[in-house]
Amino acid sequence: MSNLIRIRMKAYDHKILDKEVSKIADVVRRTNATVRGPFPLPTKIKKWTVLRGPHVNKKAREQFERRTHQRILDIVNPDKSTMEELSKLKLAFGVQISNVEVM
């Protein structure tokens, strides 16, 4: 088995993301592997502007933004039981594992 697994997670709600990261960390600690992190990454902000009325009110506009929060979690010295427990784990709706690197 490898020495390090790096998991990168994304979500729009930072509270749900932190809860799911702590759930993964608890599962890993129960299987006697060590956890580094979670390390927060910079929040990506996507902004856009929309016209309120298409005809008369050309100057009236609304602005929206979407924030994507990210975390990195390192699992050091995982074994077979760690991988089995992580595969059984169910994540909350809205939390996405965007990248898993085995180093």
C-alpha atoms as a PDB file:
ATOM      1  CA  MET A   1       0.000   0.000   0.000  1.00  0.00           C
ATOM      2  CA  SER A   2       1.154   3.580  -0.546  1.00  0.00           C
ATOM      3  CA  ASN A   3       2.422   5.963   2.111  1.00  0.00           C
ATOM      4  CA  LEU A   4       0.106   8.894   1.414  1.00  0.00           C
ATOM      5  CA  ILE A   5      -3.364   9.520   0.011  1.00  0.00           C
ATOM      6  CA  ARG A   6      -4.378  13.128  -0.698  1.00  0.00           C
ATOM      7  CA  ILE A   7      -8.117  13.840  -0.952  1.00  0.00           C
ATOM      8  CA  ARG A   8      -9.388  17.144  -2.353  1.00  0.00           C
ATOM      9  CA  MET A   9     -13.018  18.022  -1.584  1.00  0.00           C
ATOM     10  CA  LYS A  10     -15.293  20.814  -2.848  1.00  0.00           C
ATOM     11  CA  ALA A  11     -18.681  22.181  -1.775  1.00  0.00           C
ATOM     12  CA  TYR A  12     -20.725  25.372  -1.961  1.00  0.00           C
ATOM     13  CA  ASP A  13     -21.524  25.306   1.782  1.00  0.00           C
ATOM     14  CA  HIS A  14     -18.477  25.411   4.052  1.00  0.00           C
ATOM     15  CA  LYS A  15     -20.325  24.036   7.094  1.00  0.00           C
ATOM     16  CA  ILE A  16     -21.349  20.831   5.327  1.00  0.00           C
ATOM     17  CA  LEU A  17     -17.869  20.491   3.860  1.00  0.00           C
ATOM     18  CA  ASP A  18     -16.198  20.794   7.277  1.00  0.00           C
ATOM     19  CA  LYS A  19     -18.621  18.250   8.753  1.00  0.00           C
ATOM     20  CA  GLU A  20     -17.885  15.701   6.021  1.00  0.00           C
ATOM     21  CA  VAL A  21     -14.115  16.239   6.275  1.00  0.00           C
ATOM     22  CA  SER A  22     -14.265  15.623  10.027  1.00  0.00           C
ATOM     23  CA  LYS A  23     -16.325  12.471   9.389  1.00  0.00           C
ATOM     24  CA  ILE A  24     -13.605  11.155   7.049  1.00  0.00           C
ATOM     25  CA  ALA A  25     -10.897  12.075   9.567  1.00  0.00           C
ATOM     26  CA  ASP A  26     -12.718  10.172  12.344  1.00  0.00           C
ATOM     27  CA  VAL A  27     -13.001   7.056  10.181  1.00  0.00           C
ATOM     28  CA  VAL A  28      -9.298   7.204   9.331  1.00  0.00           C
ATOM     29  CA  ARG A  29      -8.271   7.683  12.978  1.00  0.00           C
ATOM     30  CA  ARG A  30     -10.356   4.651  14.012  1.00  0.00           C
ATOM     31  CA  THR A  31      -8.335   2.488  11.614  1.00  0.00           C
ATOM     32  CA  ASN A  32      -4.997   3.605  13.154  1.00  0.00           C
ATOM     33  CA  ALA A  33      -3.853   5.691  10.204  1.00  0.00           C
ATOM     34  CA  THR A  34      -2.816   9.308  10.715  1.00  0.00           C
ATOM     35  CA  VAL A  35      -4.501  12.356   9.236  1.00  0.00           C
ATOM     36  CA  ARG A  36      -2.927  15.641   8.218  1.00  0.00           C
ATOM     37  CA  GLY A  37      -5.323  18.500   7.754  1.00  0.00           C
ATOM     38  CA  PRO A  38      -7.890  19.485   6.726  1.00  0.00           C
ATOM     39  CA  PHE A  39      -6.107  22.305   4.943  1.00  0.00           C
ATOM     40  CA  PRO A  40      -8.388  25.018   3.523  1.00  0.00           C
ATOM     41  CA  LEU A  41      -7.657  26.163  -0.015  1.00  0.00           C
ATOM     42  CA  PRO A  42      -8.641  29.578  -1.391  1.00  0.00           C
ATOM     43  CA  THR A  43     -12.366  29.984  -2.042  1.00  0.00           C
ATOM     44  CA  LYS A  44     -13.237  30.366  -5.721  1.00  0.00           C
ATOM     45  CA  ILE A  45     -15.809  33.086  -6.337  1.00  0.00           C
ATOM     46  CA  LYS A  46     -17.799  33.169  -9.590  1.00  0.00           C
ATOM     47  CA  LYS A  47     -19.705  36.437 -10.151  1.00  0.00           C
ATOM     48  CA  TRP A  48     -22.203  37.382 -12.858  1.00  0.00           C
ATOM     49  CA  THR A  49     -24.623  40.228 -13.587  1.00  0.00           C
ATOM     50  CA  VAL A  50     -28.152  39.896 -15.014  1.00  0.00           C
ATOM     51  CA  LEU A  51     -30.553  42.559 -16.318  1.00  0.00           C
ATOM     52  CA  ARG A  52     -33.651  42.898 -14.121  1.00  0.00           C
ATOM     53  CA  GLY A  53     -35.972  43.956 -16.910  1.00  0.00           C
ATOM     54  CA  PRO A  54     -35.192  43.281 -20.559  1.00  0.00           C
ATOM     55  CA  HIS A  55     -36.963  46.353 -22.040  1.00  0.00           C
ATOM     56  CA  VAL A  56     -37.253  49.677 -20.189  1.00  0.00           C
ATOM     57  CA  ASN A  57     -35.022  49.272 -17.128  1.00  0.00           C
ATOM     58  CA  LYS A  58     -31.752  48.789 -18.949  1.00  0.00           C
ATOM     59  CA  LYS A  59     -29.700  50.177 -16.042  1.00  0.00           C
ATOM     60  CA  ALA A  60     -31.366  48.014 -13.379  1.00  0.00           C
ATOM     61  CA  ARG A  61     -29.178  44.968 -12.834  1.00  0.00           C
ATOM     62  CA  GLU A  62     -28.789  42.189 -10.275  1.00  0.00           C
ATOM     63  CA  GLN A  63     -25.493  40.667  -9.256  1.00  0.00           C
ATOM     64  CA  PHE A  64     -25.009  37.079  -8.120  1.00  0.00           C
ATOM     65  CA  GLU A  65     -22.067  35.070  -6.886  1.00  0.00           C
ATOM     66  CA  ARG A  66     -21.271  31.438  -6.208  1.00  0.00           C
ATOM     67  CA  ARG A  67     -18.547  30.474  -3.743  1.00  0.00           C
ATOM     68  CA  THR A  68     -16.776  27.122  -3.990  1.00  0.00           C
ATOM     69  CA  HIS A  69     -14.989  26.082  -0.793  1.00  0.00           C
ATOM     70  CA  GLN A  70     -12.173  23.524  -0.959  1.00  0.00           C
ATOM     71  CA  ARG A  71     -10.292  21.374   1.546  1.00  0.00           C
ATOM     72  CA  ILE A  72      -7.329  18.992   1.285  1.00  0.00           C
ATOM     73  CA  LEU A  73      -6.959  16.008   3.604  1.00  0.00           C
ATOM     74  CA  ASP A  74      -3.835  13.817   3.746  1.00  0.00           C
ATOM     75  CA  ILE A  75      -4.030  10.219   4.978  1.00  0.00           C
ATOM     76  CA  VAL A  76      -0.631   8.873   6.027  1.00  0.00           C
ATOM     77  CA  ASN A  77       0.116   5.137   6.145  1.00  0.00           C
ATOM     78  CA  PRO A  78      -3.330   3.789   5.220  1.00  0.00           C
ATOM     79  CA  ASP A  79      -3.909   0.056   5.312  1.00  0.00           C
ATOM     80  CA  LYS A  80      -6.535  -2.226   3.824  1.00  0.00           C
ATOM     81  CA  SER A  81      -9.060  -1.609   6.621  1.00  0.00           C
ATOM     82  CA  THR A  82      -8.763   2.168   6.087  1.00  0.00           C
ATOM     83  CA  MET A  83      -9.587   1.800   2.402  1.00  0.00           C
ATOM     84  CA  GLU A  84     -12.552  -0.495   3.168  1.00  0.00           C
ATOM     85  CA  GLU A  85     -14.013   1.944   5.702  1.00  0.00           C
ATOM     86  CA  LEU A  86     -13.580   4.890   3.325  1.00  0.00           C
ATOM     87  CA  SER A  87     -15.338   3.015   0.526  1.00  0.00           C
ATOM     88  CA  LYS A  88     -18.355   2.363   2.804  1.00  0.00           C
ATOM     89  CA  LEU A  89     -18.630   6.041   3.768  1.00  0.00           C
ATOM     90  CA  LYS A  90     -21.561   8.037   2.326  1.00  0.00           C
ATOM     91  CA  LEU A  91     -21.028  11.755   1.704  1.00  0.00           C
ATOM     92  CA  ALA A  92     -23.695  14.425   2.130  1.00  0.00           C
ATOM     93  CA  PHE A  93     -25.436  15.885  -0.892  1.00  0.00           C
ATOM     94  CA  GLY A  94     -23.458  18.801  -2.289  1.00  0.00           C
ATOM     95  CA  VAL A  95     -20.010  17.595  -1.217  1.00  0.00           C
ATOM     96  CA  GLN A  96     -17.799  16.385  -4.031  1.00  0.00           C
ATOM     97  CA  ILE A  97     -14.464  14.616  -3.979  1.00  0.00           C
ATOM     98  CA  SER A  98     -12.738  16.303  -6.883  1.00  0.00           C
ATOM     99  CA  ASN A  99      -9.355  14.601  -6.751  1.00  0.00           C
ATOM    100  CA  VAL A 100      -7.696  11.628  -5.027  1.00  0.00           C
ATOM    101  CA  GLU A 101      -3.939  11.263  -5.383  1.00  0.00           C
ATOM    102  CA  VAL A 102      -1.958   8.233  -4.239  1.00  0.00           C
ATOM    103  CA  MET A 103       1.646   9.188  -3.522  1.00  0.00           C
END
